[in-house]
Amino acid sequence: MKKRLWVIVLPLFLMLAISVLLLTSNPVSSWALSTAKVNGYIAYTPEEATTLAYTRCTTCHQVEKIIQYCSRCGPPFAVVTNTMRKFVQMANLETKRVEQFTDAELVAITQVWNALVGNWEGDWRKQDIKRLLGNDQALIDLIDTAVEDRPIEAALKNKTAPGSYKEIQSFGVK
């Protein structure tokens, strides 16, 4: 009887202890939640994704360069973020200067820039975008998802990055 009680009580106690640890505000819960988001187990909120996009991308680029990127400049942001992953891999061969992007981070960053700067995936054939993405399944899945079904991009739909061409083009348009 005592063994049966321990078999029931111990797992319940462990679940309760882990829940309290994660749900209360402390460094361990912050670390666990951020790790879960980076690895894609928990989705980024639009605000977190925007902060992530600005902090990660401004490690190498000036904000003005990012927000003034347009369809005349090059491919859609999904291809750009995929290229940045490859660039970081090559840059880190000599020294580990920049932390490598995870799939979840790239998907969130792509959605943020699509929403705030512009999404011109529709101007390109999907097969061309997929060929440029290679075997990056996370971004291919994002490309296959309708824009209105992308949570971050849908939440930031009516927002623009200050100074972006999207903002300039829509100035005065209601």
Protein backbone atom coordinates (compact mmCIF):
# COMPACT_ATOMS: atom_id res chain seq x y z
CA MET A 1 0.00 0.00 0.00
CA LYS A 2 2.84 2.40 0.85
CA LYS A 3 4.56 1.70 -2.46
CA ARG A 4 1.38 2.45 -4.36
CA LEU A 5 1.02 5.73 -2.47
CA TRP A 6 4.61 6.71 -3.33
CA VAL A 7 4.06 5.84 -7.00
CA ILE A 8 1.10 8.23 -7.08
CA VAL A 9 2.33 11.00 -4.77
CA LEU A 10 5.90 11.36 -6.06
CA PRO A 11 4.99 12.10 -9.73
CA LEU A 12 2.26 14.50 -8.61
CA PHE A 13 4.69 16.31 -6.32
CA LEU A 14 7.30 16.54 -9.09
CA MET A 15 4.75 17.93 -11.55
CA LEU A 16 3.58 20.47 -8.99
CA ALA A 17 7.15 21.51 -8.14
CA ILE A 18 8.10 21.92 -11.81
CA SER A 19 4.91 23.90 -12.49
CA VAL A 20 5.56 26.25 -9.58
CA LEU A 21 9.17 26.68 -10.68
CA LEU A 22 8.20 27.55 -14.26
CA LEU A 23 5.15 29.68 -13.52
CA THR A 24 6.73 31.94 -10.93
CA SER A 25 9.01 34.77 -11.98
CA ASN A 26 12.60 33.68 -11.41
CA PRO A 27 15.80 33.23 -13.43
CA VAL A 28 15.23 29.51 -13.94
CA SER A 29 11.75 30.00 -15.40
CA SER A 30 12.99 32.85 -17.61
CA TRP A 31 15.81 30.68 -18.91
CA ALA A 32 13.50 27.69 -19.45
CA LEU A 33 10.91 29.77 -21.33
CA SER A 34 13.48 31.51 -23.53
CA THR A 35 15.13 28.18 -24.33
CA ALA A 36 11.74 26.68 -25.20
CA LYS A 37 11.01 29.62 -27.51
CA VAL A 38 14.41 29.50 -29.20
CA ASN A 39 13.94 25.79 -29.86
CA GLY A 40 10.40 26.26 -31.17
CA TYR A 41 8.48 24.51 -28.39
CA ILE A 42 6.64 27.72 -27.45
CA ALA A 43 5.67 30.37 -30.00
CA TYR A 44 7.05 33.89 -29.85
CA THR A 45 4.56 36.68 -29.21
CA PRO A 46 4.59 39.44 -31.85
CA GLU A 47 6.30 41.81 -29.41
CA GLU A 48 8.98 39.26 -28.53
CA ALA A 49 9.51 38.46 -32.20
CA THR A 50 9.90 42.16 -33.05
CA THR A 51 12.45 42.61 -30.28
CA LEU A 52 14.24 39.46 -31.46
CA ALA A 53 14.34 40.70 -35.06
CA TYR A 54 15.75 44.07 -34.12
CA THR A 55 18.33 42.70 -31.66
CA ARG A 56 19.56 39.79 -33.77
CA CYS A 57 19.64 41.62 -37.11
CA THR A 58 21.27 44.79 -35.82
CA THR A 59 24.23 42.72 -34.67
CA CYS A 60 25.47 42.93 -38.27
CA HIS A 61 23.23 45.49 -40.03
CA GLN A 62 22.06 49.01 -39.37
CA VAL A 63 18.31 49.35 -38.88
CA GLU A 64 18.08 51.75 -41.84
CA LYS A 65 19.49 49.09 -44.16
CA ILE A 66 16.90 46.57 -43.00
CA ILE A 67 13.84 48.79 -43.09
CA GLN A 68 14.66 50.22 -46.51
CA TYR A 69 14.96 46.78 -48.10
CA CYS A 70 12.37 46.42 -50.87
CA SER A 71 11.29 44.14 -53.70
CA ARG A 72 13.73 45.91 -56.04
CA CYS A 73 16.60 45.12 -53.63
CA GLY A 74 16.33 41.36 -53.74
CA PRO A 75 14.39 38.25 -52.82
CA PRO A 76 11.74 37.92 -50.10
CA PHE A 77 12.81 37.94 -46.47
CA ALA A 78 12.52 34.14 -46.19
CA VAL A 79 15.41 33.81 -48.64
CA VAL A 80 17.33 36.65 -46.97
CA THR A 81 17.09 35.09 -43.50
CA ASN A 82 18.12 31.72 -44.90
CA THR A 83 21.16 33.37 -46.47
CA MET A 84 21.97 35.03 -43.16
CA ARG A 85 22.00 31.62 -41.48
CA LYS A 86 24.55 30.42 -44.04
CA PHE A 87 26.58 33.62 -43.66
CA VAL A 88 26.71 33.20 -39.87
CA GLN A 89 27.89 29.61 -40.33
CA MET A 90 30.72 30.77 -42.60
CA ALA A 91 31.60 33.74 -40.37
CA ASN A 92 31.76 31.47 -37.34
CA LEU A 93 34.26 29.08 -38.95
CA GLU A 94 37.13 31.26 -37.76
CA THR A 95 35.62 32.78 -34.62
CA LYS A 96 32.28 32.38 -32.90
CA ARG A 97 31.29 36.03 -33.29
CA VAL A 98 27.56 35.64 -33.88
CA GLU A 99 25.25 33.12 -32.27
CA GLN A 100 23.71 30.80 -34.87
CA PHE A 101 20.02 31.23 -35.69
CA THR A 102 17.55 28.49 -34.81
CA ASP A 103 14.63 27.58 -37.06
CA ALA A 104 12.14 29.17 -34.66
CA GLU A 105 14.12 32.42 -34.58
CA LEU A 106 14.36 32.62 -38.37
CA VAL A 107 10.65 31.95 -38.82
CA ALA A 108 9.79 34.66 -36.28
CA ILE A 109 12.27 37.17 -37.74
CA THR A 110 11.02 36.53 -41.28
CA GLN A 111 7.43 37.15 -40.22
CA VAL A 112 8.37 40.39 -38.45
CA TRP A 113 10.19 41.87 -41.44
CA ASN A 114 7.46 40.66 -43.81
CA ALA A 115 4.89 42.51 -41.74
CA LEU A 116 6.85 45.67 -40.93
CA VAL A 117 8.79 46.18 -44.17
CA GLY A 118 6.86 44.24 -46.82
CA ASN A 119 6.12 40.77 -48.09
CA TRP A 120 6.76 40.23 -51.78
CA GLU A 121 6.65 36.44 -51.77
CA GLY A 122 3.67 36.72 -54.13
CA ASP A 123 5.91 38.40 -56.73
CA TRP A 124 8.08 35.29 -56.90
CA ARG A 125 7.23 31.76 -57.98
CA LYS A 126 7.08 29.41 -54.98
CA GLN A 127 9.33 26.89 -56.68
CA ASP A 128 12.02 29.57 -57.15
CA ILE A 129 11.83 30.56 -53.49
CA LYS A 130 11.97 26.91 -52.42
CA ARG A 131 14.97 26.29 -54.66
CA LEU A 132 16.77 29.23 -53.03
CA LEU A 133 15.85 27.92 -49.57
CA GLY A 134 17.38 24.53 -50.34
CA ASN A 135 16.58 22.09 -47.54
CA ASP A 136 15.57 24.69 -44.93
CA GLN A 137 12.30 22.96 -44.02
CA ALA A 138 11.21 25.51 -41.41
CA LEU A 139 11.24 28.37 -43.93
CA ILE A 140 9.74 26.18 -46.66
CA ASP A 141 6.86 25.41 -44.29
CA LEU A 142 6.49 29.15 -43.66
CA ILE A 143 6.35 29.85 -47.41
CA ASP A 144 3.67 27.16 -47.79
CA THR A 145 1.59 28.79 -45.03
CA ALA A 146 -0.88 31.46 -46.11
CA VAL A 147 0.07 34.94 -44.89
CA GLU A 148 -3.13 35.31 -42.88
CA ASP A 149 -2.35 32.01 -41.10
CA ARG A 150 1.07 33.17 -39.92
CA PRO A 151 0.53 34.28 -36.32
CA ILE A 152 3.20 36.97 -36.00
CA GLU A 153 2.71 38.40 -39.47
CA ALA A 154 -1.07 38.50 -39.02
CA ALA A 155 -0.76 40.26 -35.65
CA LEU A 156 1.57 42.92 -37.10
CA LYS A 157 -0.42 43.26 -40.33
CA ASN A 158 -1.31 46.95 -40.08
CA LYS A 159 2.01 48.09 -38.61
CA THR A 160 5.10 49.38 -40.37
CA ALA A 161 8.68 50.01 -39.38
CA PRO A 162 9.26 53.76 -39.17
CA GLY A 163 11.12 54.88 -42.30
CA SER A 164 10.45 51.73 -44.33
CA TYR A 165 9.47 51.94 -47.98
CA LYS A 166 6.21 50.27 -47.03
CA GLU A 167 5.45 53.26 -44.78
CA ILE A 168 6.52 55.76 -47.45
CA GLN A 169 4.46 54.05 -50.17
CA SER A 170 1.36 53.97 -47.98
CA PHE A 171 1.69 57.57 -46.78
CA GLY A 172 -1.67 59.28 -47.15
CA VAL A 173 -3.42 56.09 -48.27
CA LYS A 174 -6.35 55.04 -46.14
